[in-house]
Amino acid sequence: MVFTYRNVASGFAVKLTPEEAKSLQEKGEIVSARPERTLSLHTTHTPTFLGLKQGQGLWSDDNLGKGVIIGVIDTGIYPFHPSFNDEGMPPPPAKW
């Protein structure tokens, strides 16, 4: 056995009118219905943003973070973000 889980959740995403969402939420099987929220990232350079430097200060302790569980929030891809602007880039190779 690799993992065991004590708490499990399942869900789905759906487009509903406010009336449909209210009707769905009134069903006993539904724990929660929440509207979609779009949140913006505060930074993509967290260590720099926090003023951390490798091998100095808090990062100098070898066991720092031992036993810590890190949750990753995947914000997905926004294709119109400036990071995806390929202006000035050569075309991709004909064969990878």
C-alpha atoms as a PDB file:
ATOM      1  CA  MET A   1       0.000   0.000   0.000  1.00  0.00           C
ATOM      2  CA  VAL A   2       1.393   3.379  -0.975  1.00  0.00           C
ATOM      3  CA  PHE A   3      -1.243   5.774   0.426  1.00  0.00           C
ATOM      4  CA  THR A   4      -4.426   5.614   2.435  1.00  0.00           C
ATOM      5  CA  TYR A   5      -6.960   8.416   2.514  1.00  0.00           C
ATOM      6  CA  ARG A   6      -9.365   9.216   5.315  1.00  0.00           C
ATOM      7  CA  ASN A   7     -11.062  12.198   3.710  1.00  0.00           C
ATOM      8  CA  VAL A   8     -12.066  12.201   0.089  1.00  0.00           C
ATOM      9  CA  ALA A   9     -13.959  14.805  -1.909  1.00  0.00           C
ATOM     10  CA  SER A  10     -15.394  14.703  -5.375  1.00  0.00           C
ATOM     11  CA  GLY A  11     -16.863  17.516  -7.353  1.00  0.00           C
ATOM     12  CA  PHE A  12     -17.660  18.904 -10.751  1.00  0.00           C
ATOM     13  CA  ALA A  13     -17.787  22.199 -12.601  1.00  0.00           C
ATOM     14  CA  VAL A  14     -20.889  23.323 -14.429  1.00  0.00           C
ATOM     15  CA  LYS A  15     -22.381  26.510 -15.859  1.00  0.00           C
ATOM     16  CA  LEU A  16     -25.661  27.342 -14.165  1.00  0.00           C
ATOM     17  CA  THR A  17     -28.045  30.230 -13.907  1.00  0.00           C
ATOM     18  CA  PRO A  18     -28.394  31.678 -10.393  1.00  0.00           C
ATOM     19  CA  GLU A  19     -31.765  29.915 -10.103  1.00  0.00           C
ATOM     20  CA  GLU A  20     -30.288  26.549 -11.142  1.00  0.00           C
ATOM     21  CA  ALA A  21     -27.418  26.968  -8.661  1.00  0.00           C
ATOM     22  CA  LYS A  22     -29.874  27.724  -5.848  1.00  0.00           C
ATOM     23  CA  SER A  23     -31.969  24.682  -6.753  1.00  0.00           C
ATOM     24  CA  LEU A  24     -28.872  22.455  -6.846  1.00  0.00           C
ATOM     25  CA  GLN A  25     -27.625  23.740  -3.504  1.00  0.00           C
ATOM     26  CA  GLU A  26     -30.955  22.853  -1.885  1.00  0.00           C
ATOM     27  CA  LYS A  27     -30.401  19.155  -2.636  1.00  0.00           C
ATOM     28  CA  GLY A  28     -29.262  17.079   0.342  1.00  0.00           C
ATOM     29  CA  GLU A  29     -26.417  15.435  -1.589  1.00  0.00           C
ATOM     30  CA  ILE A  30     -24.743  18.776  -2.355  1.00  0.00           C
ATOM     31  CA  VAL A  31     -22.359  19.980   0.337  1.00  0.00           C
ATOM     32  CA  SER A  32     -21.393  23.241  -1.324  1.00  0.00           C
ATOM     33  CA  ALA A  33     -21.957  25.181  -4.525  1.00  0.00           C
ATOM     34  CA  ARG A  34     -19.670  28.127  -5.140  1.00  0.00           C
ATOM     35  CA  PRO A  35     -19.389  30.651  -7.952  1.00  0.00           C
ATOM     36  CA  GLU A  36     -16.191  30.751  -9.945  1.00  0.00           C
ATOM     37  CA  ARG A  37     -13.626  33.301  -8.794  1.00  0.00           C
ATOM     38  CA  THR A  38     -10.639  34.436 -10.782  1.00  0.00           C
ATOM     39  CA  LEU A  39      -7.687  35.346  -8.591  1.00  0.00           C
ATOM     40  CA  SER A  40      -4.494  36.977  -9.787  1.00  0.00           C
ATOM     41  CA  LEU A  41      -1.057  35.822  -8.759  1.00  0.00           C
ATOM     42  CA  HIS A  42       0.866  38.115  -6.443  1.00  0.00           C
ATOM     43  CA  THR A  43       4.285  36.972  -7.618  1.00  0.00           C
ATOM     44  CA  THR A  44       6.013  34.339  -9.698  1.00  0.00           C
ATOM     45  CA  HIS A  45       9.303  34.882  -7.862  1.00  0.00           C
ATOM     46  CA  THR A  46       8.411  33.910  -4.307  1.00  0.00           C
ATOM     47  CA  PRO A  47      11.945  33.509  -2.830  1.00  0.00           C
ATOM     48  CA  THR A  48      12.989  36.932  -4.106  1.00  0.00           C
ATOM     49  CA  PHE A  49       9.661  38.420  -3.069  1.00  0.00           C
ATOM     50  CA  LEU A  50      10.205  37.068   0.464  1.00  0.00           C
ATOM     51  CA  GLY A  51      13.804  38.288   0.559  1.00  0.00           C
ATOM     52  CA  LEU A  52      15.257  34.765   0.812  1.00  0.00           C
ATOM     53  CA  LYS A  53      18.774  33.981  -0.365  1.00  0.00           C
ATOM     54  CA  GLN A  54      20.119  30.450  -0.807  1.00  0.00           C
ATOM     55  CA  GLY A  55      22.429  29.417   2.050  1.00  0.00           C
ATOM     56  CA  GLN A  56      21.701  32.487   4.171  1.00  0.00           C
ATOM     57  CA  GLY A  57      19.312  33.288   6.999  1.00  0.00           C
ATOM     58  CA  LEU A  58      16.428  30.853   7.228  1.00  0.00           C
ATOM     59  CA  TRP A  59      17.714  28.773   4.322  1.00  0.00           C
ATOM     60  CA  SER A  60      21.062  28.044   6.018  1.00  0.00           C
ATOM     61  CA  ASP A  61      19.504  25.370   8.291  1.00  0.00           C
ATOM     62  CA  ASP A  62      19.685  21.969   6.559  1.00  0.00           C
ATOM     63  CA  ASN A  63      16.596  20.609   8.313  1.00  0.00           C
ATOM     64  CA  LEU A  64      14.430  23.656   7.719  1.00  0.00           C
ATOM     65  CA  GLY A  65      11.208  22.435   6.180  1.00  0.00           C
ATOM     66  CA  LYS A  66      11.622  18.853   7.377  1.00  0.00           C
ATOM     67  CA  GLY A  67       8.153  17.377   7.797  1.00  0.00           C
ATOM     68  CA  VAL A  68       6.477  20.298   6.049  1.00  0.00           C
ATOM     69  CA  ILE A  69       3.790  19.479   3.502  1.00  0.00           C
ATOM     70  CA  ILE A  70       3.525  21.951   0.640  1.00  0.00           C
ATOM     71  CA  GLY A  71       0.288  22.449  -1.267  1.00  0.00           C
ATOM     72  CA  VAL A  72       0.555  23.667  -4.847  1.00  0.00           C
ATOM     73  CA  ILE A  73      -2.189  25.778  -6.329  1.00  0.00           C
ATOM     74  CA  ASP A  74      -2.183  25.324 -10.072  1.00  0.00           C
ATOM     75  CA  THR A  75      -3.642  28.459 -11.565  1.00  0.00           C
ATOM     76  CA  GLY A  76      -3.669  26.957 -15.024  1.00  0.00           C
ATOM     77  CA  ILE A  77      -2.460  28.646 -18.169  1.00  0.00           C
ATOM     78  CA  TYR A  78      -3.658  32.019 -19.389  1.00  0.00           C
ATOM     79  CA  PRO A  79      -2.507  32.023 -23.033  1.00  0.00           C
ATOM     80  CA  PHE A  80      -2.620  35.816 -23.291  1.00  0.00           C
ATOM     81  CA  HIS A  81      -0.183  36.375 -20.387  1.00  0.00           C
ATOM     82  CA  PRO A  82       2.916  38.363 -21.478  1.00  0.00           C
ATOM     83  CA  SER A  83       5.082  35.313 -20.650  1.00  0.00           C
ATOM     84  CA  PHE A  84       3.651  33.634 -23.745  1.00  0.00           C
ATOM     85  CA  ASN A  85       4.417  36.521 -26.102  1.00  0.00           C
ATOM     86  CA  ASP A  86       6.713  35.033 -28.735  1.00  0.00           C
ATOM     87  CA  GLU A  87       7.410  38.299 -30.531  1.00  0.00           C
ATOM     88  CA  GLY A  88      11.008  38.308 -31.755  1.00  0.00           C
ATOM     89  CA  MET A  89      11.413  34.557 -31.244  1.00  0.00           C
ATOM     90  CA  PRO A  90      12.518  32.318 -34.123  1.00  0.00           C
ATOM     91  CA  PRO A  91      10.040  29.734 -35.400  1.00  0.00           C
ATOM     92  CA  PRO A  92      10.130  26.335 -33.696  1.00  0.00           C
ATOM     93  CA  PRO A  93      12.321  23.674 -35.306  1.00  0.00           C
ATOM     94  CA  ALA A  94      10.697  21.670 -38.096  1.00  0.00           C
ATOM     95  CA  LYS A  95      11.505  18.503 -36.161  1.00  0.00           C
ATOM     96  CA  TRP A  96      11.896  18.191 -32.381  1.00  0.00           C
END
